[in-house]
Amino acid sequence: MIQEFKEFINKGNLVDLAVAFVLGTAFAALVAAFIETMIDPLLGYITPGDNLASWEAGPFLVGAFVLAIIAFLAIALVIFFVVKVQPDEPSRGRGRGGRGDLGSPS
């Protein structure tokens, strides 16, 4: 049973998923810091208050929600480029269809 567990853990898919999760978490923190330190003060100039996070509509903190939406959209944009654009890159230079030199079918 222990051996099966070791084989399961050492499978490439699980390790790749764990690495992707850790990198995704770190990237989300990076985007959140960028939004809070760069975008929030810039948007603070056009909204009431010092920064967008402090913007309120009655009892609701609208600014914090707007910043969360901006962070979500930034992360979604990067994921879109990684998933949609990146897979097309390796196919360049391999000939027609991006399949490489597979030879003629028999």
Protein backbone atom coordinates (compact mmCIF):
# COMPACT_ATOMS: atom_id res chain seq x y z
CA MET A 1 0.00 0.00 0.00
CA ILE A 2 2.86 2.39 0.80
CA GLN A 3 4.52 1.55 -2.51
CA GLU A 4 1.31 2.31 -4.40
CA PHE A 5 1.06 5.64 -2.60
CA LYS A 6 4.68 6.51 -3.55
CA GLU A 7 3.96 5.65 -7.19
CA PHE A 8 0.82 7.79 -7.10
CA ILE A 9 2.68 10.76 -5.61
CA ASN A 10 5.58 10.47 -8.06
CA LYS A 11 3.37 10.44 -11.14
CA GLY A 12 4.19 13.38 -13.37
CA ASN A 13 0.63 14.67 -13.48
CA LEU A 14 0.31 15.04 -9.74
CA VAL A 15 3.70 16.69 -9.34
CA ASP A 16 2.95 19.04 -12.26
CA LEU A 17 -0.39 19.92 -10.70
CA ALA A 18 1.24 20.68 -7.35
CA VAL A 19 3.86 22.89 -8.99
CA ALA A 20 1.17 24.69 -10.99
CA PHE A 21 -0.85 25.26 -7.82
CA VAL A 22 2.12 26.74 -5.95
CA LEU A 23 3.08 28.95 -8.89
CA GLY A 24 -0.53 30.04 -9.34
CA THR A 25 -0.78 31.00 -5.69
CA ALA A 26 2.45 32.98 -5.89
CA PHE A 27 1.30 34.66 -9.10
CA ALA A 28 -2.02 35.63 -7.49
CA ALA A 29 -0.13 37.26 -4.62
CA LEU A 30 2.07 39.09 -7.11
CA VAL A 31 -0.95 40.39 -9.03
CA ALA A 32 -2.68 41.42 -5.81
CA ALA A 33 0.40 43.38 -4.72
CA PHE A 34 0.64 45.04 -8.13
CA ILE A 35 -3.03 46.02 -8.04
CA GLU A 36 -2.79 47.36 -4.48
CA THR A 37 0.46 49.31 -4.94
CA MET A 38 0.23 50.52 -8.54
CA ILE A 39 -3.32 50.42 -9.88
CA ASP A 40 -5.15 51.39 -6.69
CA PRO A 41 -3.27 54.69 -6.17
CA LEU A 42 -3.66 55.57 -9.86
CA LEU A 43 -7.40 54.98 -9.72
CA GLY A 44 -7.49 56.90 -6.45
CA TYR A 45 -6.88 60.09 -8.40
CA ILE A 46 -10.18 59.72 -10.26
CA THR A 47 -12.26 58.37 -7.39
CA PRO A 48 -13.13 60.03 -4.07
CA GLY A 49 -10.64 59.32 -1.29
CA ASP A 50 -6.95 58.50 -1.26
CA ASN A 51 -7.28 55.22 -3.09
CA LEU A 52 -9.91 53.07 -4.74
CA ALA A 53 -10.00 50.58 -1.85
CA SER A 54 -11.41 53.24 0.46
CA TRP A 55 -14.26 54.11 -1.91
CA GLU A 56 -17.63 53.49 -0.23
CA ALA A 57 -21.22 53.54 -1.39
CA GLY A 58 -23.15 53.78 1.83
CA PRO A 59 -22.13 50.90 4.09
CA PHE A 60 -20.57 48.95 1.22
CA LEU A 61 -16.85 48.99 0.39
CA VAL A 62 -17.28 49.17 -3.36
CA GLY A 63 -13.64 49.99 -4.04
CA ALA A 64 -12.30 46.78 -2.50
CA PHE A 65 -14.72 44.78 -4.63
CA VAL A 66 -13.69 46.64 -7.79
CA LEU A 67 -10.02 45.95 -7.01
CA ALA A 68 -10.82 42.25 -6.56
CA ILE A 69 -12.52 42.25 -9.97
CA ILE A 70 -9.48 43.94 -11.55
CA ALA A 71 -7.15 41.35 -9.97
CA PHE A 72 -9.38 38.50 -11.18
CA LEU A 73 -9.43 39.87 -14.72
CA ALA A 74 -5.64 40.30 -14.73
CA ILE A 75 -5.11 36.69 -13.63
CA ALA A 76 -7.71 35.44 -16.11
CA LEU A 77 -5.96 37.34 -18.92
CA VAL A 78 -2.61 35.74 -18.13
CA ILE A 79 -4.19 32.28 -17.91
CA PHE A 80 -5.87 32.92 -21.26
CA PHE A 81 -2.53 33.75 -22.86
CA VAL A 82 -0.83 30.74 -21.30
CA VAL A 83 -3.57 28.30 -22.31
CA LYS A 84 -4.57 29.78 -25.66
CA VAL A 85 -1.43 31.37 -27.06
CA GLN A 86 1.38 29.28 -25.57
CA PRO A 87 0.35 25.91 -27.10
CA ASP A 88 0.55 27.45 -30.58
CA GLU A 89 4.17 28.52 -30.10
CA PRO A 90 5.87 25.08 -30.19
CA SER A 91 4.12 24.20 -33.46
CA ARG A 92 5.97 26.94 -35.35
CA GLY A 93 8.73 25.70 -37.56
CA ARG A 94 7.57 22.12 -37.68
CA GLY A 95 5.90 22.29 -41.02
CA ARG A 96 2.24 22.18 -41.90
CA GLY A 97 -0.28 21.62 -39.14
CA GLY A 98 2.26 21.71 -36.32
CA ARG A 99 2.48 17.93 -36.14
CA GLY A 100 6.16 17.62 -36.86
CA ASP A 101 7.69 15.07 -39.19
CA LEU A 102 5.54 11.98 -38.62
CA GLY A 103 6.37 10.38 -41.94
CA SER A 104 3.87 9.11 -44.44
CA PRO A 105 1.02 6.92 -43.20
CA SER A 106 1.33 3.25 -44.13
